[in-house]
């Protein structure tokens, strides 16, 4: 294995771990909003955001 292939593997691993961490933060954030605002307000906020995009 060459040094460049090893470095590419480390970069790919770092990107994958970063994406997994970001996804986990998004799920935790959604859970925190759900807990704080309740289900009705949470779903209304999501629906308003989706309708604003389209």
PDB file of N, CA and C in Angstrom:
ATOM      1  N   UNK A   1       0.850  -1.170   0.000  1.00  0.00           N
ATOM      2  CA  UNK A   1       0.000   0.000   0.000  1.00  0.00           C
ATOM      3  C   UNK A   1       0.897   1.234   0.000  1.00  0.00           C
ATOM      4  N   UNK A   2       0.574   2.177  -0.838  1.00  0.00           N
ATOM      5  CA  UNK A   2       1.392   3.383  -0.915  1.00  0.00           C
ATOM      6  C   UNK A   2       0.907   4.423   0.086  1.00  0.00           C
ATOM      7  N   UNK A   3       1.743   5.417   0.295  1.00  0.00           N
ATOM      8  CA  UNK A   3       1.392   6.477   1.252  1.00  0.00           C
ATOM      9  C   UNK A   3       0.193   7.264   0.763  1.00  0.00           C
ATOM     10  N   UNK A   4       0.081   7.461  -0.564  1.00  0.00           N
ATOM     11  CA  UNK A   4      -1.028   8.242  -1.090  1.00  0.00           C
ATOM     12  C   UNK A   4      -2.346   7.498  -0.934  1.00  0.00           C
ATOM     13  N   UNK A   5      -2.350   6.188  -1.117  1.00  0.00           N
ATOM     14  CA  UNK A   5      -3.570   5.414  -0.933  1.00  0.00           C
ATOM     15  C   UNK A   5      -3.986   5.428   0.542  1.00  0.00           C
ATOM     16  N   UNK A   6      -3.012   5.362   1.434  1.00  0.00           N
ATOM     17  CA  UNK A   6      -3.314   5.418   2.858  1.00  0.00           C
ATOM     18  C   UNK A   6      -3.897   6.776   3.247  1.00  0.00           C
ATOM     19  N   UNK A   7      -3.346   7.831   2.676  1.00  0.00           N
ATOM     20  CA  UNK A   7      -3.850   9.177   2.965  1.00  0.00           C
ATOM     21  C   UNK A   7      -5.265   9.342   2.420  1.00  0.00           C
ATOM     22  N   UNK A   8      -5.540   8.791   1.243  1.00  0.00           N
ATOM     23  CA  UNK A   8      -6.882   8.884   0.674  1.00  0.00           C
ATOM     24  C   UNK A   8      -7.884   8.127   1.534  1.00  0.00           C
ATOM     25  N   UNK A   9      -7.460   6.990   2.060  1.00  0.00           N
ATOM     26  CA  UNK A   9      -8.337   6.222   2.944  1.00  0.00           C
ATOM     27  C   UNK A   9      -8.647   6.967   4.217  1.00  0.00           C
ATOM     28  N   UNK A  10      -7.655   7.669   4.751  1.00  0.00           N
ATOM     29  CA  UNK A  10      -7.878   8.445   5.972  1.00  0.00           C
ATOM     30  C   UNK A  10      -8.814   9.615   5.706  1.00  0.00           C
ATOM     31  N   UNK A  11      -8.668  10.273   4.549  1.00  0.00           N
ATOM     32  CA  UNK A  11      -9.549  11.393   4.201  1.00  0.00           C
ATOM     33  C   UNK A  11     -10.979  10.898   4.008  1.00  0.00           C
ATOM     34  N   UNK A  12     -11.127   9.770   3.310  1.00  0.00           N
ATOM     35  CA  UNK A  12     -12.463   9.213   3.099  1.00  0.00           C
ATOM     36  C   UNK A  12     -13.095   8.818   4.434  1.00  0.00           C
ATOM     37  N   UNK A  13     -12.306   8.254   5.314  1.00  0.00           N
ATOM     38  CA  UNK A  13     -12.818   7.882   6.632  1.00  0.00           C
ATOM     39  C   UNK A  13     -13.233   9.123   7.424  1.00  0.00           C
ATOM     40  N   UNK A  14     -12.433  10.171   7.351  1.00  0.00           N
ATOM     41  CA  UNK A  14     -12.770  11.407   8.064  1.00  0.00           C
ATOM     42  C   UNK A  14     -14.053  12.021   7.513  1.00  0.00           C
ATOM     43  N   UNK A  15     -14.231  11.974   6.197  1.00  0.00           N
ATOM     44  CA  UNK A  15     -15.452  12.511   5.591  1.00  0.00           C
ATOM     45  C   UNK A  15     -16.662  11.695   6.032  1.00  0.00           C
ATOM     46  N   UNK A  16     -16.521  10.371   6.038  1.00  0.00           N
ATOM     47  CA  UNK A  16     -17.626   9.505   6.453  1.00  0.00           C
ATOM     48  C   UNK A  16     -17.984   9.741   7.914  1.00  0.00           C
ATOM     49  N   UNK A  17     -16.983   9.836   8.791  1.00  0.00           N
ATOM     50  CA  UNK A  17     -17.250  10.101  10.201  1.00  0.00           C
ATOM     51  C   UNK A  17     -17.870  11.484  10.394  1.00  0.00           C
ATOM     52  N   UNK A  18     -17.417  12.467   9.626  1.00  0.00           N
ATOM     53  CA  UNK A  18     -17.995  13.808   9.711  1.00  0.00           C
ATOM     54  C   UNK A  18     -19.454  13.825   9.291  1.00  0.00           C
ATOM     55  N   UNK A  19     -19.763  13.107   8.207  1.00  0.00           N
ATOM     56  CA  UNK A  19     -21.148  13.030   7.747  1.00  0.00           C
ATOM     57  C   UNK A  19     -22.022  12.305   8.761  1.00  0.00           C
ATOM     58  N   UNK A  20     -21.497  11.238   9.353  1.00  0.00           N
ATOM     59  CA  UNK A  20     -22.250  10.516  10.379  1.00  0.00           C
ATOM     60  C   UNK A  20     -22.491  11.404  11.599  1.00  0.00           C
ATOM     61  N   UNK A  21     -21.492  12.170  11.992  1.00  0.00           N
ATOM     62  CA  UNK A  21     -21.644  13.085  13.120  1.00  0.00           C
ATOM     63  C   UNK A  21     -22.664  14.171  12.840  1.00  0.00           C
ATOM     64  N   UNK A  22     -22.626  14.712  11.622  1.00  0.00           N
ATOM     65  CA  UNK A  22     -23.592  15.746  11.241  1.00  0.00           C
ATOM     66  C   UNK A  22     -25.008  15.183  11.230  1.00  0.00           C
ATOM     67  N   UNK A  23     -25.158  13.977  10.706  1.00  0.00           N
ATOM     68  CA  UNK A  23     -26.473  13.332  10.714  1.00  0.00           C
ATOM     69  C   UNK A  23     -26.982  13.099  12.124  1.00  0.00           C
ATOM     70  N   UNK A  24     -26.093  12.669  13.008  1.00  0.00           N
ATOM     71  CA  UNK A  24     -26.484  12.449  14.404  1.00  0.00           C
ATOM     72  C   UNK A  24     -26.896  13.760  15.063  1.00  0.00           C
ATOM     73  N   UNK A  25     -26.173  14.835  14.785  1.00  0.00           N
ATOM     74  CA  UNK A  25     -26.543  16.141  15.346  1.00  0.00           C
ATOM     75  C   UNK A  25     -27.904  16.601  14.833  1.00  0.00           C
ATOM     76  N   UNK A  26     -28.185  16.337  13.569  1.00  0.00           N
ATOM     77  CA  UNK A  26     -29.487  16.723  13.011  1.00  0.00           C
ATOM     78  C   UNK A  26     -30.623  15.940  13.670  1.00  0.00           C
ATOM     79  N   UNK A  27     -30.420  14.652  13.893  1.00  0.00           N
ATOM     80  CA  UNK A  27     -31.448  13.835  14.550  1.00  0.00           C
ATOM     81  C   UNK A  27     -31.639  14.289  15.990  1.00  0.00           C
ATOM     82  N   UNK A  28     -30.550  14.575  16.693  1.00  0.00           N
ATOM     83  CA  UNK A  28     -30.660  15.059  18.067  1.00  0.00           C
ATOM     84  C   UNK A  28     -31.350  16.426  18.119  1.00  0.00           C
ATOM     85  N   UNK A  29     -31.035  17.283  17.161  1.00  0.00           N
ATOM     86  CA  UNK A  29     -31.686  18.586  17.107  1.00  0.00           C
ATOM     87  C   UNK A  29     -33.178  18.465  16.860  1.00  0.00           C
ATOM     88  N   UNK A  30     -33.556  17.585  15.949  1.00  0.00           N
ATOM     89  CA  UNK A  30     -34.982  17.365  15.688  1.00  0.00           C
ATOM     90  C   UNK A  30     -35.674  16.810  16.922  1.00  0.00           C
ATOM     91  N   UNK A  31     -35.014  15.895  17.612  1.00  0.00           N
ATOM     92  CA  UNK A  31     -35.591  15.356  18.843  1.00  0.00           C
ATOM     93  C   UNK A  31     -35.744  16.414  19.921  1.00  0.00           C
ATOM     94  N   UNK A  32     -34.762  17.297  20.027  1.00  0.00           N
ATOM     95  CA  UNK A  32     -34.839  18.381  21.014  1.00  0.00           C
ATOM     96  C   UNK A  32     -35.979  19.337  20.690  1.00  0.00           C
ATOM     97  N   UNK A  33     -36.146  19.666  19.411  1.00  0.00           N
ATOM     98  CA  UNK A  33     -37.255  20.540  19.022  1.00  0.00           C
ATOM     99  C   UNK A  33     -38.599  19.872  19.295  1.00  0.00           C
ATOM    100  N   UNK A  34     -38.689  18.600  18.997  1.00  0.00           N
ATOM    101  CA  UNK A  34     -39.916  17.854  19.235  1.00  0.00           C
ATOM    102  C   UNK A  34     -40.242  17.860  20.726  1.00  0.00           C
ATOM    103  N   UNK A  35     -39.238  17.608  21.558  1.00  0.00           N
ATOM    104  CA  UNK A  35     -39.452  17.572  23.003  1.00  0.00           C
ATOM    105  C   UNK A  35     -39.851  18.951  23.530  1.00  0.00           C
ATOM    106  N   UNK A  36     -39.229  19.999  23.005  1.00  0.00           N
ATOM    107  CA  UNK A  36     -39.477  21.350  23.518  1.00  0.00           C
ATOM    108  C   UNK A  36     -40.820  21.910  23.052  1.00  0.00           C
ATOM    109  N   UNK A  37     -41.131  21.748  21.775  1.00  0.00           N
ATOM    110  CA  UNK A  37     -42.327  22.381  21.217  1.00  0.00           C
ATOM    111  C   UNK A  37     -43.534  21.458  21.113  1.00  0.00           C
ATOM    112  N   UNK A  38     -43.338  20.176  21.220  1.00  0.00           N
ATOM    113  CA  UNK A  38     -44.455  19.247  21.088  1.00  0.00           C
ATOM    114  C   UNK A  38     -44.643  18.831  19.638  1.00  0.00           C
ATOM    115  N   UNK A  39     -45.426  17.793  19.451  1.00  0.00           N
ATOM    116  CA  UNK A  39     -45.548  17.226  18.109  1.00  0.00           C
ATOM    117  C   UNK A  39     -46.309  18.132  17.156  1.00  0.00           C
ATOM    118  N   UNK A  40     -47.372  18.785  17.606  1.00  0.00           N
ATOM    119  CA  UNK A  40     -48.194  19.591  16.704  1.00  0.00           C
ATOM    120  C   UNK A  40     -47.390  20.755  16.132  1.00  0.00           C
ATOM    121  N   UNK A  41     -46.717  21.481  16.986  1.00  0.00           N
ATOM    122  CA  UNK A  41     -45.937  22.633  16.528  1.00  0.00           C
ATOM    123  C   UNK A  41     -44.759  22.166  15.688  1.00  0.00           C
ATOM    124  N   UNK A  42     -44.161  21.050  16.066  1.00  0.00           N
ATOM    125  CA  UNK A  42     -43.023  20.521  15.318  1.00  0.00           C
ATOM    126  C   UNK A  42     -43.435  20.190  13.890  1.00  0.00           C
ATOM    127  N   UNK A  43     -44.538  19.471  13.723  1.00  0.00           N
ATOM    128  CA  UNK A  43     -44.979  19.099  12.388  1.00  0.00           C
ATOM    129  C   UNK A  43     -45.436  20.316  11.588  1.00  0.00           C
ATOM    130  N   UNK A  44     -46.060  21.293  12.243  1.00  0.00           N
ATOM    131  CA  UNK A  44     -46.465  22.515  11.546  1.00  0.00           C
ATOM    132  C   UNK A  44     -45.243  23.289  11.055  1.00  0.00           C
ATOM    133  N   UNK A  45     -44.197  23.329  11.856  1.00  0.00           N
ATOM    134  CA  UNK A  45     -42.967  24.014  11.460  1.00  0.00           C
ATOM    135  C   UNK A  45     -42.327  23.313  10.269  1.00  0.00           C
ATOM    136  N   UNK A  46     -42.271  21.999  10.291  1.00  0.00           N
ATOM    137  CA  UNK A  46     -41.713  21.239   9.179  1.00  0.00           C
ATOM    138  C   UNK A  46     -42.552  21.461   7.922  1.00  0.00           C
ATOM    139  N   UNK A  47     -43.867  21.404   8.043  1.00  0.00           N
ATOM    140  CA  UNK A  47     -44.745  21.605   6.891  1.00  0.00           C
ATOM    141  C   UNK A  47     -44.594  23.007   6.320  1.00  0.00           C
ATOM    142  N   UNK A  48     -44.464  24.007   7.186  1.00  0.00           N
ATOM    143  CA  UNK A  48     -44.277  25.379   6.707  1.00  0.00           C
ATOM    144  C   UNK A  48     -42.937  25.517   5.995  1.00  0.00           C
ATOM    145  N   UNK A  49     -41.919  24.871   6.505  1.00  0.00           N
ATOM    146  CA  UNK A  49     -40.617  24.924   5.850  1.00  0.00           C
ATOM    147  C   UNK A  49     -40.632  24.253   4.498  1.00  0.00           C
ATOM    148  N   UNK A  50     -41.292  23.108   4.393  1.00  0.00           N
ATOM    149  CA  UNK A  50     -41.372  22.404   3.112  1.00  0.00           C
ATOM    150  C   UNK A  50     -42.190  23.221   2.115  1.00  0.00           C
ATOM    151  N   UNK A  51     -43.305  23.791   2.549  1.00  0.00           N
ATOM    152  CA  UNK A  51     -44.122  24.582   1.626  1.00  0.00           C
ATOM    153  C   UNK A  51     -43.394  25.854   1.192  1.00  0.00           C
ATOM    154  N   UNK A  52     -42.545  26.402   2.050  1.00  0.00           N
ATOM    155  CA  UNK A  52     -41.781  27.584   1.663  1.00  0.00           C
ATOM    156  C   UNK A  52     -40.756  27.253   0.584  1.00  0.00           C
ATOM    157  N   UNK A  53     -40.264  26.020   0.601  1.00  0.00           N
ATOM    158  CA  UNK A  53     -39.292  25.605  -0.416  1.00  0.00           C
ATOM    159  C   UNK A  53     -39.935  25.424  -1.776  1.00  0.00           C
ATOM    160  N   UNK A  54     -41.202  25.044  -1.786  1.00  0.00           N
ATOM    161  CA  UNK A  54     -41.884  24.778  -3.054  1.00  0.00           C
ATOM    162  C   UNK A  54     -42.912  25.844  -3.303  1.00  0.00           C
TER     163      UNK A  54
END
